[in-house]
Amino acid sequence: MLHLLIERGRIPYSIARKLKWDLIIFPDHGPYFREECPKIYVSHGISSGKQIGGGHYIYGKGSKDSHGNMLYEKIFMHSNLIKEQVRAHYPEFYDCVKIVGSLTADELLEKSRNFNREEELLKLNLDPSKKTIMIASSWGPYCLIQNQGEELIEQINRLQDEFNIILSIHLHNFHVENHYEGKNIKVLLERLKKINVYIPVPKESTHLLLSYADVMVTDMTSLGLYYPLLRRPVIFYDNPNIQYSLSGFIPAMREIAYRISDVSNLSFDIVKALEEFNLVVMEKLSERIFSYQGQARERFLEEIYESLNMEYLRDDSCAPESLIGQRSKEINT
């Protein structure tokens, strides 16, 4: 049974914590096990800069054990600029940070290069003859959907004749018991006409939908930070109550985007954002956010192999899949 679980790539935590591993890779903080085993933190998003509990989520207490010791041998990040920010503001983390690029960003770039616009929009029941606006909201008391939700729904209903709309809402907004901030999003969405509107389903690769959009309307969600890769206009919902940490890219996005404080005139804002768009500035932001564009897979593997005290030979026969298979045989025997 254990052999089958490992071959399928999924092992329950209750079993995993009892096995001897050579390396453990975390996409988020905790739960932690096997203190003697090297660990790598691979952020599941971009370093947006939004503060959580008054501190930085990665370069804070979440990355340390109860004795204040660093939990991770390496922390993978996507930008050389972050490395310098860490040196200046979180120096004790500097040696842990490894700049590897972004697998998610590279996937989006690949999607955008091989994108059949008409075919893909029709799959979503959207109109290929119209421009597409993607609206993305984070979660929390100051996010777009919780602050502007009722007006946003009204605006989308008005925009549907002129534009396609893709509405991406962070799942936390639907978790009433944990993150509900005052508006029942399910009830709110019932007022949506949903003509030329697409709402991603849970667990959909939402970042790939960015390829469909001609304009992005976003708040402090890290999803919006992938959009500069496509070199297109951004409308940023600017809530003055949000605080940003010293290491992150939302402040940089905020400075160059077309900023709004509410969505009451969204049709006008879309036209202005298209008119005022500066391609050169957006390209520079993309390069600041993502280093080594198109090279993330190789850089990930080089660092992982180093942590395993192995040489990365840039050969498919040495890919992690084959290592997992070999490890399962060892455990099974």
C-alpha atoms as a PDB file:
ATOM      1  CA  MET A   1       0.000   0.000   0.000  1.00  0.00           C
ATOM      2  CA  LEU A   2       2.792   2.461   0.870  1.00  0.00           C
ATOM      3  CA  HIS A   3       4.447   1.697  -2.448  1.00  0.00           C
ATOM      4  CA  LEU A   4       1.221   2.579  -4.290  1.00  0.00           C
ATOM      5  CA  LEU A   5       0.774   5.820  -2.353  1.00  0.00           C
ATOM      6  CA  ILE A   6       4.280   6.995  -3.211  1.00  0.00           C
ATOM      7  CA  GLU A   7       3.900   6.038  -6.875  1.00  0.00           C
ATOM      8  CA  ARG A   8       0.735   8.155  -6.989  1.00  0.00           C
ATOM      9  CA  GLY A   9       2.597  11.066  -5.424  1.00  0.00           C
ATOM     10  CA  ARG A  10       0.289  11.495  -2.425  1.00  0.00           C
ATOM     11  CA  ILE A  11       1.089  10.335   1.101  1.00  0.00           C
ATOM     12  CA  PRO A  12      -1.022  11.253   4.161  1.00  0.00           C
ATOM     13  CA  TYR A  13       0.779  13.447   6.669  1.00  0.00           C
ATOM     14  CA  SER A  14       0.269  10.807   9.366  1.00  0.00           C
ATOM     15  CA  ILE A  15       2.418   8.430   7.310  1.00  0.00           C
ATOM     16  CA  ALA A  16       4.849  10.957   5.819  1.00  0.00           C
ATOM     17  CA  ARG A  17       5.975  12.208   9.246  1.00  0.00           C
ATOM     18  CA  LYS A  18       7.129   8.691  10.151  1.00  0.00           C
ATOM     19  CA  LEU A  19       9.233   8.071   7.036  1.00  0.00           C
ATOM     20  CA  LYS A  20      12.874   8.993   6.588  1.00  0.00           C
ATOM     21  CA  TRP A  21      13.242  11.579   3.833  1.00  0.00           C
ATOM     22  CA  ASP A  22      16.323  13.026   2.169  1.00  0.00           C
ATOM     23  CA  LEU A  23      14.646  16.376   1.475  1.00  0.00           C
ATOM     24  CA  ILE A  24      11.269  17.972   2.247  1.00  0.00           C
ATOM     25  CA  ILE A  25       9.854  20.820   0.150  1.00  0.00           C
ATOM     26  CA  PHE A  26       7.142  23.021   1.645  1.00  0.00           C
ATOM     27  CA  PRO A  27       4.773  25.264  -0.382  1.00  0.00           C
ATOM     28  CA  ASP A  28       3.631  26.927   2.845  1.00  0.00           C
ATOM     29  CA  HIS A  29       4.561  27.018   6.531  1.00  0.00           C
ATOM     30  CA  GLY A  30       4.032  23.798   8.502  1.00  0.00           C
ATOM     31  CA  PRO A  31       3.221  21.314   9.739  1.00  0.00           C
ATOM     32  CA  TYR A  32       6.864  20.447  10.328  1.00  0.00           C
ATOM     33  CA  PHE A  33       8.432  17.049  10.831  1.00  0.00           C
ATOM     34  CA  ARG A  34      11.819  15.325  10.623  1.00  0.00           C
ATOM     35  CA  GLU A  35      13.989  18.013  12.218  1.00  0.00           C
ATOM     36  CA  GLU A  36      17.168  16.380  10.930  1.00  0.00           C
ATOM     37  CA  CYS A  37      16.036  16.538   7.290  1.00  0.00           C
ATOM     38  CA  PRO A  38      16.930  19.505   5.017  1.00  0.00           C
ATOM     39  CA  LYS A  39      13.894  21.591   4.090  1.00  0.00           C
ATOM     40  CA  ILE A  40      13.167  23.997   1.255  1.00  0.00           C
ATOM     41  CA  TYR A  41      10.400  26.618   1.250  1.00  0.00           C
ATOM     42  CA  VAL A  42       8.912  27.209  -2.202  1.00  0.00           C
ATOM     43  CA  SER A  43       6.455  30.086  -2.002  1.00  0.00           C
ATOM     44  CA  HIS A  44       3.047  29.229  -3.474  1.00  0.00           C
ATOM     45  CA  GLY A  45       2.661  32.804  -4.693  1.00  0.00           C
ATOM     46  CA  ILE A  46       4.562  36.001  -5.367  1.00  0.00           C
ATOM     47  CA  SER A  47       6.066  38.233  -2.720  1.00  0.00           C
ATOM     48  CA  SER A  48       3.329  40.847  -2.946  1.00  0.00           C
ATOM     49  CA  GLY A  49       4.382  42.787   0.136  1.00  0.00           C
ATOM     50  CA  LYS A  50       1.074  42.646   2.004  1.00  0.00           C
ATOM     51  CA  GLN A  51       1.735  42.469   5.728  1.00  0.00           C
ATOM     52  CA  ILE A  52       0.134  39.753   7.844  1.00  0.00           C
ATOM     53  CA  GLY A  53      -0.068  40.312  11.593  1.00  0.00           C
ATOM     54  CA  GLY A  54       2.239  43.306  11.300  1.00  0.00           C
ATOM     55  CA  GLY A  55       5.135  41.333   9.820  1.00  0.00           C
ATOM     56  CA  HIS A  56       6.368  39.587   6.697  1.00  0.00           C
ATOM     57  CA  TYR A  57       4.832  36.142   6.239  1.00  0.00           C
ATOM     58  CA  ILE A  58       7.989  34.458   4.907  1.00  0.00           C
ATOM     59  CA  TYR A  59      10.761  36.432   6.617  1.00  0.00           C
ATOM     60  CA  GLY A  60       9.232  36.191  10.064  1.00  0.00           C
ATOM     61  CA  LYS A  61       8.404  33.778  12.865  1.00  0.00           C
ATOM     62  CA  GLY A  62       6.733  31.314  10.503  1.00  0.00           C
ATOM     63  CA  SER A  63      10.142  30.368   9.110  1.00  0.00           C
ATOM     64  CA  LYS A  64      11.611  29.601  12.549  1.00  0.00           C
ATOM     65  CA  ASP A  65      11.103  26.923  15.174  1.00  0.00           C
ATOM     66  CA  SER A  66      10.169  27.532  18.809  1.00  0.00           C
ATOM     67  CA  HIS A  67      13.845  28.161  19.633  1.00  0.00           C
ATOM     68  CA  GLY A  68      14.255  30.803  16.946  1.00  0.00           C
ATOM     69  CA  ASN A  69      16.281  28.567  14.630  1.00  0.00           C
ATOM     70  CA  MET A  70      15.780  28.729  10.872  1.00  0.00           C
ATOM     71  CA  LEU A  71      13.559  25.894   9.627  1.00  0.00           C
ATOM     72  CA  TYR A  72      14.642  26.006   6.004  1.00  0.00           C
ATOM     73  CA  GLU A  73      17.954  25.365   4.330  1.00  0.00           C
ATOM     74  CA  LYS A  74      16.716  27.346   1.315  1.00  0.00           C
ATOM     75  CA  ILE A  75      13.879  29.712   0.481  1.00  0.00           C
ATOM     76  CA  PHE A  76      13.109  29.852  -3.247  1.00  0.00           C
ATOM     77  CA  MET A  77      12.134  33.257  -4.610  1.00  0.00           C
ATOM     78  CA  HIS A  78      11.433  34.689  -8.049  1.00  0.00           C
ATOM     79  CA  SER A  79      13.392  37.942  -8.266  1.00  0.00           C
ATOM     80  CA  ASN A  80      16.959  39.134  -7.767  1.00  0.00           C
ATOM     81  CA  LEU A  81      15.525  42.363  -6.417  1.00  0.00           C
ATOM     82  CA  ILE A  82      13.992  40.437  -3.505  1.00  0.00           C
ATOM     83  CA  LYS A  83      17.446  39.144  -2.590  1.00  0.00           C
ATOM     84  CA  GLU A  84      18.656  42.704  -2.167  1.00  0.00           C
ATOM     85  CA  GLN A  85      15.554  43.665  -0.198  1.00  0.00           C
ATOM     86  CA  VAL A  86      16.155  40.734   2.122  1.00  0.00           C
ATOM     87  CA  ARG A  87      19.775  41.815   2.600  1.00  0.00           C
ATOM     88  CA  ALA A  88      18.625  45.294   3.620  1.00  0.00           C
ATOM     89  CA  HIS A  89      15.590  44.473   5.743  1.00  0.00           C
ATOM     90  CA  TYR A  90      15.773  40.805   6.800  1.00  0.00           C
ATOM     91  CA  PRO A  91      19.549  40.093   6.814  1.00  0.00           C
ATOM     92  CA  GLU A  92      19.396  36.873   8.849  1.00  0.00           C
ATOM     93  CA  PHE A  93      17.457  35.286   5.954  1.00  0.00           C
ATOM     94  CA  TYR A  94      19.853  36.436   3.249  1.00  0.00           C
ATOM     95  CA  ASP A  95      21.917  33.259   2.898  1.00  0.00           C
ATOM     96  CA  CYS A  96      18.766  31.092   2.721  1.00  0.00           C
ATOM     97  CA  VAL A  97      17.208  32.945  -0.210  1.00  0.00           C
ATOM     98  CA  LYS A  98      17.848  31.400  -3.625  1.00  0.00           C
ATOM     99  CA  ILE A  99      16.596  33.153  -6.761  1.00  0.00           C
ATOM    100  CA  VAL A 100      15.216  30.546  -9.139  1.00  0.00           C
ATOM    101  CA  GLY A 101      12.572  32.379 -11.168  1.00  0.00           C
ATOM    102  CA  SER A 102       8.943  31.244 -11.204  1.00  0.00           C
ATOM    103  CA  LEU A 103       7.513  28.010 -12.588  1.00  0.00           C
ATOM    104  CA  THR A 104       4.062  29.602 -12.590  1.00  0.00           C
ATOM    105  CA  ALA A 105       5.279  32.623 -14.534  1.00  0.00           C
ATOM    106  CA  ASP A 106       6.998  30.393 -17.091  1.00  0.00           C
ATOM    107  CA  GLU A 107       3.806  28.379 -17.487  1.00  0.00           C
ATOM    108  CA  LEU A 108       1.857  31.576 -18.163  1.00  0.00           C
ATOM    109  CA  LEU A 109       4.412  32.741 -20.731  1.00  0.00           C
ATOM    110  CA  GLU A 110       4.210  29.400 -22.510  1.00  0.00           C
ATOM    111  CA  LYS A 111       0.412  29.587 -22.508  1.00  0.00           C
ATOM    112  CA  SER A 112       0.440  33.121 -23.959  1.00  0.00           C
ATOM    113  CA  ARG A 113       2.777  32.074 -26.784  1.00  0.00           C
ATOM    114  CA  ASN A 114       0.525  29.182 -27.819  1.00  0.00           C
ATOM    115  CA  PHE A 115      -2.830  30.864 -27.287  1.00  0.00           C
ATOM    116  CA  ASN A 116      -5.636  30.577 -29.834  1.00  0.00           C
ATOM    117  CA  ARG A 117      -7.755  33.505 -28.611  1.00  0.00           C
ATOM    118  CA  GLU A 118     -10.970  32.741 -30.504  1.00  0.00           C
ATOM    119  CA  GLU A 119     -10.959  29.062 -29.670  1.00  0.00           C
ATOM    120  CA  GLU A 120     -10.144  29.549 -25.991  1.00  0.00           C
ATOM    121  CA  LEU A 121     -12.737  32.292 -25.424  1.00  0.00           C
ATOM    122  CA  LEU A 122     -15.464  30.220 -27.065  1.00  0.00           C
ATOM    123  CA  LYS A 123     -14.688  27.387 -24.631  1.00  0.00           C
ATOM    124  CA  LEU A 124     -15.623  29.770 -21.823  1.00  0.00           C
ATOM    125  CA  ASN A 125     -18.772  30.984 -23.614  1.00  0.00           C
ATOM    126  CA  LEU A 126     -17.153  34.371 -24.140  1.00  0.00           C
ATOM    127  CA  ASP A 127     -17.349  36.498 -27.268  1.00  0.00           C
ATOM    128  CA  PRO A 128     -14.077  36.598 -29.293  1.00  0.00           C
ATOM    129  CA  SER A 129     -15.148  39.876 -30.923  1.00  0.00           C
ATOM    130  CA  LYS A 130     -15.049  41.720 -27.571  1.00  0.00           C
ATOM    131  CA  LYS A 131     -12.153  42.820 -25.410  1.00  0.00           C
ATOM    132  CA  THR A 132     -11.821  40.786 -22.216  1.00  0.00           C
ATOM    133  CA  ILE A 133     -11.497  42.321 -18.743  1.00  0.00           C
ATOM    134  CA  MET A 134     -10.208  40.157 -15.911  1.00  0.00           C
ATOM    135  CA  ILE A 135     -11.185  41.260 -12.403  1.00  0.00           C
ATOM    136  CA  ALA A 136      -9.268  39.621  -9.546  1.00  0.00           C
ATOM    137  CA  SER A 137      -9.895  40.121  -5.841  1.00  0.00           C
ATOM    138  CA  SER A 138      -7.837  39.092  -2.855  1.00  0.00           C
ATOM    139  CA  TRP A 139      -9.452  38.433   0.540  1.00  0.00           C
ATOM    140  CA  GLY A 140      -9.712  40.283   3.829  1.00  0.00           C
ATOM    141  CA  PRO A 141     -11.564  43.372   5.032  1.00  0.00           C
ATOM    142  CA  TYR A 142      -9.933  45.736   2.520  1.00  0.00           C
ATOM    143  CA  CYS A 143     -10.029  43.636  -0.641  1.00  0.00           C
ATOM    144  CA  LEU A 144     -11.902  44.592  -3.804  1.00  0.00           C
ATOM    145  CA  ILE A 145     -14.863  42.219  -3.500  1.00  0.00           C
ATOM    146  CA  GLN A 146     -15.497  42.903   0.213  1.00  0.00           C
ATOM    147  CA  ASN A 147     -15.256  46.692  -0.130  1.00  0.00           C
ATOM    148  CA  GLN A 148     -16.741  47.256  -3.567  1.00  0.00           C
ATOM    149  CA  GLY A 149     -18.750  44.070  -4.075  1.00  0.00           C
ATOM    150  CA  GLU A 150     -22.254  45.455  -4.568  1.00  0.00           C
ATOM    151  CA  GLU A 151     -21.122  48.250  -6.874  1.00  0.00           C
ATOM    152  CA  LEU A 152     -18.781  45.858  -8.687  1.00  0.00           C
ATOM    153  CA  ILE A 153     -21.649  43.500  -9.519  1.00  0.00           C
ATOM    154  CA  GLU A 154     -23.686  46.431 -10.857  1.00  0.00           C
ATOM    155  CA  GLN A 155     -20.760  47.571 -12.990  1.00  0.00           C
ATOM    156  CA  ILE A 156     -20.178  44.082 -14.400  1.00  0.00           C
ATOM    157  CA  ASN A 157     -23.852  43.833 -15.350  1.00  0.00           C
ATOM    158  CA  ARG A 158     -23.465  47.094 -17.296  1.00  0.00           C
ATOM    159  CA  LEU A 159     -20.195  46.090 -18.941  1.00  0.00           C
ATOM    160  CA  GLN A 160     -21.383  42.757 -20.317  1.00  0.00           C
ATOM    161  CA  ASP A 161     -22.699  44.199 -23.579  1.00  0.00           C
ATOM    162  CA  GLU A 162     -19.314  45.767 -24.398  1.00  0.00           C
ATOM    163  CA  PHE A 163     -16.764  43.417 -22.783  1.00  0.00           C
ATOM    164  CA  ASN A 164     -16.147  39.855 -21.732  1.00  0.00           C
ATOM    165  CA  ILE A 165     -15.591  39.620 -17.977  1.00  0.00           C
ATOM    166  CA  ILE A 166     -13.534  37.034 -16.109  1.00  0.00           C
ATOM    167  CA  LEU A 167     -14.182  37.373 -12.376  1.00  0.00           C
ATOM    168  CA  SER A 168     -11.626  35.689 -10.107  1.00  0.00           C
ATOM    169  CA  ILE A 169     -12.442  35.781  -6.387  1.00  0.00           C
ATOM    170  CA  HIS A 170     -10.097  34.343  -3.762  1.00  0.00           C
ATOM    171  CA  LEU A 171     -11.597  31.237  -2.185  1.00  0.00           C
ATOM    172  CA  HIS A 172     -11.159  32.641   1.329  1.00  0.00           C
ATOM    173  CA  ASN A 173     -14.033  35.043   0.602  1.00  0.00           C
ATOM    174  CA  PHE A 174     -16.381  32.040   0.547  1.00  0.00           C
ATOM    175  CA  HIS A 175     -15.158  30.577   3.866  1.00  0.00           C
ATOM    176  CA  VAL A 176     -17.719  32.170   6.142  1.00  0.00           C
ATOM    177  CA  GLU A 177     -16.384  30.507   9.295  1.00  0.00           C
ATOM    178  CA  ASN A 178     -12.818  31.808   8.790  1.00  0.00           C
ATOM    179  CA  HIS A 179     -12.542  34.808   6.489  1.00  0.00           C
ATOM    180  CA  TYR A 180     -16.037  36.204   5.977  1.00  0.00           C
ATOM    181  CA  GLU A 181     -15.692  40.000   6.115  1.00  0.00           C
ATOM    182  CA  GLY A 182     -19.292  41.160   5.988  1.00  0.00           C
ATOM    183  CA  LYS A 183     -20.576  40.323   2.506  1.00  0.00           C
ATOM    184  CA  ASN A 184     -21.934  36.920   1.556  1.00  0.00           C
ATOM    185  CA  ILE A 185     -20.240  36.448  -1.803  1.00  0.00           C
ATOM    186  CA  LYS A 186     -22.498  33.600  -2.901  1.00  0.00           C
ATOM    187  CA  VAL A 187     -25.560  35.813  -2.425  1.00  0.00           C
ATOM    188  CA  LEU A 188     -23.778  38.688  -4.160  1.00  0.00           C
ATOM    189  CA  LEU A 189     -23.002  36.561  -7.224  1.00  0.00           C
ATOM    190  CA  GLU A 190     -26.669  35.607  -7.565  1.00  0.00           C
ATOM    191  CA  ARG A 191     -27.258  39.186  -8.787  1.00  0.00           C
ATOM    192  CA  LEU A 192     -24.842  38.691 -11.665  1.00  0.00           C
ATOM    193  CA  LYS A 193     -26.424  38.303 -15.109  1.00  0.00           C
ATOM    194  CA  LYS A 194     -23.501  36.136 -16.296  1.00  0.00           C
ATOM    195  CA  ILE A 195     -23.772  37.077 -19.967  1.00  0.00           C
ATOM    196  CA  ASN A 196     -20.237  37.116 -21.410  1.00  0.00           C
ATOM    197  CA  VAL A 197     -19.025  36.432 -17.868  1.00  0.00           C
ATOM    198  CA  TYR A 198     -16.804  33.604 -16.702  1.00  0.00           C
ATOM    199  CA  ILE A 199     -16.095  32.758 -13.048  1.00  0.00           C
ATOM    200  CA  PRO A 200     -13.270  30.239 -12.502  1.00  0.00           C
ATOM    201  CA  VAL A 201     -14.219  27.039 -10.716  1.00  0.00           C
ATOM    202  CA  PRO A 202     -12.368  25.961  -7.529  1.00  0.00           C
ATOM    203  CA  LYS A 203      -8.835  24.643  -8.130  1.00  0.00           C
ATOM    204  CA  GLU A 204      -8.773  25.958 -11.690  1.00  0.00           C
ATOM    205  CA  SER A 205      -5.376  27.273 -12.859  1.00  0.00           C
ATOM    206  CA  THR A 206      -6.558  30.862 -12.598  1.00  0.00           C
ATOM    207  CA  HIS A 207      -3.184  32.370 -13.537  1.00  0.00           C
ATOM    208  CA  LEU A 208      -3.500  30.855 -17.033  1.00  0.00           C
ATOM    209  CA  LEU A 209      -6.702  32.848 -17.562  1.00  0.00           C
ATOM    210  CA  LEU A 210      -4.591  36.006 -17.496  1.00  0.00           C
ATOM    211  CA  SER A 211      -3.697  35.206 -21.118  1.00  0.00           C
ATOM    212  CA  TYR A 212      -7.317  35.875 -22.080  1.00  0.00           C
ATOM    213  CA  ALA A 213      -7.421  39.401 -20.644  1.00  0.00           C
ATOM    214  CA  ASP A 214      -6.813  42.671 -22.472  1.00  0.00           C
ATOM    215  CA  VAL A 215      -7.039  44.645 -19.216  1.00  0.00           C
ATOM    216  CA  MET A 216      -6.588  43.523 -15.604  1.00  0.00           C
ATOM    217  CA  VAL A 217      -8.523  45.025 -12.678  1.00  0.00           C
ATOM    218  CA  THR A 218      -6.875  43.934  -9.442  1.00  0.00           C
ATOM    219  CA  ASP A 219      -6.191  44.724  -5.814  1.00  0.00           C
ATOM    220  CA  MET A 220      -3.333  43.496  -3.608  1.00  0.00           C
ATOM    221  CA  THR A 221      -3.788  39.896  -4.747  1.00  0.00           C
ATOM    222  CA  SER A 222      -0.533  38.319  -5.915  1.00  0.00           C
ATOM    223  CA  LEU A 223      -2.383  36.961  -8.959  1.00  0.00           C
ATOM    224  CA  GLY A 224      -2.244  40.444 -10.448  1.00  0.00           C
ATOM    225  CA  LEU A 225       1.543  40.482 -10.218  1.00  0.00           C
ATOM    226  CA  TYR A 226       1.806  37.822 -12.923  1.00  0.00           C
ATOM    227  CA  TYR A 227      -0.016  40.059 -15.391  1.00  0.00           C
ATOM    228  CA  PRO A 228       2.943  42.379 -16.191  1.00  0.00           C
ATOM    229  CA  LEU A 229       4.520  39.371 -17.932  1.00  0.00           C
ATOM    230  CA  LEU A 230       1.946  39.934 -20.686  1.00  0.00           C
ATOM    231  CA  ARG A 231       2.719  43.664 -21.002  1.00  0.00           C
ATOM    232  CA  ARG A 232      -0.903  44.861 -20.834  1.00  0.00           C
ATOM    233  CA  PRO A 233      -2.775  47.582 -18.881  1.00  0.00           C
ATOM    234  CA  VAL A 234      -3.509  47.208 -15.161  1.00  0.00           C
ATOM    235  CA  ILE A 235      -6.213  48.992 -13.153  1.00  0.00           C
ATOM    236  CA  PHE A 236      -5.326  48.894  -9.455  1.00  0.00           C
ATOM    237  CA  TYR A 237      -7.957  49.216  -6.714  1.00  0.00           C
ATOM    238  CA  ASP A 238      -6.111  51.315  -4.133  1.00  0.00           C
ATOM    239  CA  ASN A 239      -7.406  50.939  -0.576  1.00  0.00           C
ATOM    240  CA  PRO A 240      -5.583  53.335   1.794  1.00  0.00           C
ATOM    241  CA  ASN A 241      -6.036  50.954   4.743  1.00  0.00           C
ATOM    242  CA  ILE A 242      -3.628  48.386   3.293  1.00  0.00           C
ATOM    243  CA  GLN A 243      -0.075  48.325   4.623  1.00  0.00           C
ATOM    244  CA  TYR A 244       2.752  46.773   2.619  1.00  0.00           C
ATOM    245  CA  SER A 245       6.000  45.312   3.886  1.00  0.00           C
ATOM    246  CA  LEU A 246       9.469  46.402   2.836  1.00  0.00           C
ATOM    247  CA  SER A 247       9.868  43.378   0.573  1.00  0.00           C
ATOM    248  CA  GLY A 248       7.223  43.019  -2.124  1.00  0.00           C
ATOM    249  CA  PHE A 249       5.996  44.207  -5.495  1.00  0.00           C
ATOM    250  CA  ILE A 250       2.450  45.464  -4.964  1.00  0.00           C
ATOM    251  CA  PRO A 251       3.785  48.954  -4.143  1.00  0.00           C
ATOM    252  CA  ALA A 252       5.668  48.954  -7.476  1.00  0.00           C
ATOM    253  CA  MET A 253       2.548  47.782  -9.324  1.00  0.00           C
ATOM    254  CA  ARG A 254       0.509  50.416  -7.545  1.00  0.00           C
ATOM    255  CA  GLU A 255       2.828  53.199  -8.707  1.00  0.00           C
ATOM    256  CA  ILE A 256       2.647  52.429 -12.445  1.00  0.00           C
ATOM    257  CA  ALA A 257      -0.924  51.122 -12.746  1.00  0.00           C
ATOM    258  CA  TYR A 258      -4.025  53.194 -13.452  1.00  0.00           C
ATOM    259  CA  ARG A 259      -5.302  53.650  -9.885  1.00  0.00           C
ATOM    260  CA  ILE A 260      -8.901  53.829  -8.687  1.00  0.00           C
ATOM    261  CA  SER A 261     -10.413  54.223  -5.215  1.00  0.00           C
ATOM    262  CA  ASP A 262     -13.779  52.735  -6.200  1.00  0.00           C
ATOM    263  CA  VAL A 263     -15.402  50.993  -9.173  1.00  0.00           C
ATOM    264  CA  SER A 264     -18.291  53.385  -9.731  1.00  0.00           C
ATOM    265  CA  ASN A 265     -17.019  54.434 -13.173  1.00  0.00           C
ATOM    266  CA  LEU A 266     -15.325  51.270 -14.366  1.00  0.00           C
ATOM    267  CA  SER A 267     -16.235  51.645 -18.047  1.00  0.00           C
ATOM    268  CA  PHE A 268     -14.488  55.048 -18.154  1.00  0.00           C
ATOM    269  CA  ASP A 269     -11.526  53.669 -16.190  1.00  0.00           C
ATOM    270  CA  ILE A 270     -11.015  50.839 -18.682  1.00  0.00           C
ATOM    271  CA  VAL A 271     -10.884  53.284 -21.603  1.00  0.00           C
ATOM    272  CA  LYS A 272      -8.440  55.554 -19.757  1.00  0.00           C
ATOM    273  CA  ALA A 273      -6.217  52.645 -18.732  1.00  0.00           C
ATOM    274  CA  LEU A 274      -5.950  51.559 -22.366  1.00  0.00           C
ATOM    275  CA  GLU A 275      -5.187  55.118 -23.503  1.00  0.00           C
ATOM    276  CA  GLU A 276      -2.555  55.822 -20.854  1.00  0.00           C
ATOM    277  CA  PHE A 277      -0.812  52.439 -20.925  1.00  0.00           C
ATOM    278  CA  ASN A 278       2.998  52.640 -20.986  1.00  0.00           C
ATOM    279  CA  LEU A 279       4.469  49.459 -22.482  1.00  0.00           C
ATOM    280  CA  VAL A 280       8.081  50.260 -21.593  1.00  0.00           C
ATOM    281  CA  VAL A 281       7.297  50.849 -17.919  1.00  0.00           C
ATOM    282  CA  MET A 282       5.296  47.614 -17.707  1.00  0.00           C
ATOM    283  CA  GLU A 283       8.136  45.644 -19.326  1.00  0.00           C
ATOM    284  CA  LYS A 284      10.561  46.984 -16.728  1.00  0.00           C
ATOM    285  CA  LEU A 285       8.214  45.978 -13.914  1.00  0.00           C
ATOM    286  CA  SER A 286       7.925  42.474 -15.371  1.00  0.00           C
ATOM    287  CA  GLU A 287      11.705  42.127 -15.372  1.00  0.00           C
ATOM    288  CA  ARG A 288      11.895  43.348 -11.772  1.00  0.00           C
ATOM    289  CA  ILE A 289       9.270  40.876 -10.563  1.00  0.00           C
ATOM    290  CA  PHE A 290      10.556  37.817 -12.440  1.00  0.00           C
ATOM    291  CA  SER A 291      14.221  37.045 -12.916  1.00  0.00           C
ATOM    292  CA  TYR A 292      15.342  34.225 -15.215  1.00  0.00           C
ATOM    293  CA  GLN A 293      12.115  34.158 -17.206  1.00  0.00           C
ATOM    294  CA  GLY A 294      11.773  30.816 -18.998  1.00  0.00           C
ATOM    295  CA  GLN A 295      14.586  29.236 -16.945  1.00  0.00           C
ATOM    296  CA  ALA A 296      12.844  28.357 -13.682  1.00  0.00           C
ATOM    297  CA  ARG A 297      12.697  24.587 -14.148  1.00  0.00           C
ATOM    298  CA  GLU A 298      16.463  24.278 -14.611  1.00  0.00           C
ATOM    299  CA  ARG A 299      17.223  26.562 -11.681  1.00  0.00           C
ATOM    300  CA  PHE A 300      14.803  24.713  -9.387  1.00  0.00           C
ATOM    301  CA  LEU A 301      16.409  21.398 -10.238  1.00  0.00           C
ATOM    302  CA  GLU A 302      19.945  22.674  -9.744  1.00  0.00           C
ATOM    303  CA  GLU A 303      19.132  23.869  -6.205  1.00  0.00           C
ATOM    304  CA  ILE A 304      17.179  20.727  -5.314  1.00  0.00           C
ATOM    305  CA  TYR A 305      19.943  18.436  -6.502  1.00  0.00           C
ATOM    306  CA  GLU A 306      22.501  20.466  -4.564  1.00  0.00           C
ATOM    307  CA  SER A 307      20.438  19.989  -1.388  1.00  0.00           C
ATOM    308  CA  LEU A 308      20.469  16.250  -2.080  1.00  0.00           C
ATOM    309  CA  ASN A 309      24.272  16.366  -2.519  1.00  0.00           C
ATOM    310  CA  MET A 310      23.817  15.271  -6.116  1.00  0.00           C
ATOM    311  CA  GLU A 311      25.031  16.721  -9.383  1.00  0.00           C
ATOM    312  CA  TYR A 312      22.326  17.937 -11.742  1.00  0.00           C
ATOM    313  CA  LEU A 313      23.252  16.567 -15.166  1.00  0.00           C
ATOM    314  CA  ARG A 314      20.478  18.297 -17.170  1.00  0.00           C
ATOM    315  CA  ASP A 315      19.224  14.915 -18.324  1.00  0.00           C
ATOM    316  CA  ASP A 316      15.614  13.675 -18.167  1.00  0.00           C
ATOM    317  CA  SER A 317      16.792  10.390 -16.701  1.00  0.00           C
ATOM    318  CA  CYS A 318      17.883  12.345 -13.604  1.00  0.00           C
ATOM    319  CA  ALA A 319      14.597  14.226 -13.202  1.00  0.00           C
ATOM    320  CA  PRO A 320      12.838  14.201  -9.789  1.00  0.00           C
ATOM    321  CA  GLU A 321      10.195  11.748 -11.079  1.00  0.00           C
ATOM    322  CA  SER A 322      12.827   9.031 -11.455  1.00  0.00           C
ATOM    323  CA  LEU A 323      14.209   9.825  -7.993  1.00  0.00           C
ATOM    324  CA  ILE A 324      10.749   9.421  -6.481  1.00  0.00           C
ATOM    325  CA  GLY A 325      10.346   6.086  -8.200  1.00  0.00           C
ATOM    326  CA  GLN A 326      13.740   4.896  -6.960  1.00  0.00           C
ATOM    327  CA  ARG A 327      12.965   6.106  -3.416  1.00  0.00           C
ATOM    328  CA  SER A 328       9.677   4.171  -3.429  1.00  0.00           C
ATOM    329  CA  LYS A 329      11.495   0.970  -4.373  1.00  0.00           C
ATOM    330  CA  GLU A 330      13.904   1.443  -1.490  1.00  0.00           C
ATOM    331  CA  ILE A 331      11.100   2.014   1.014  1.00  0.00           C
ATOM    332  CA  ASN A 332       9.033  -0.866  -0.345  1.00  0.00           C
ATOM    333  CA  THR A 333      11.905  -3.292   0.102  1.00  0.00           C
END
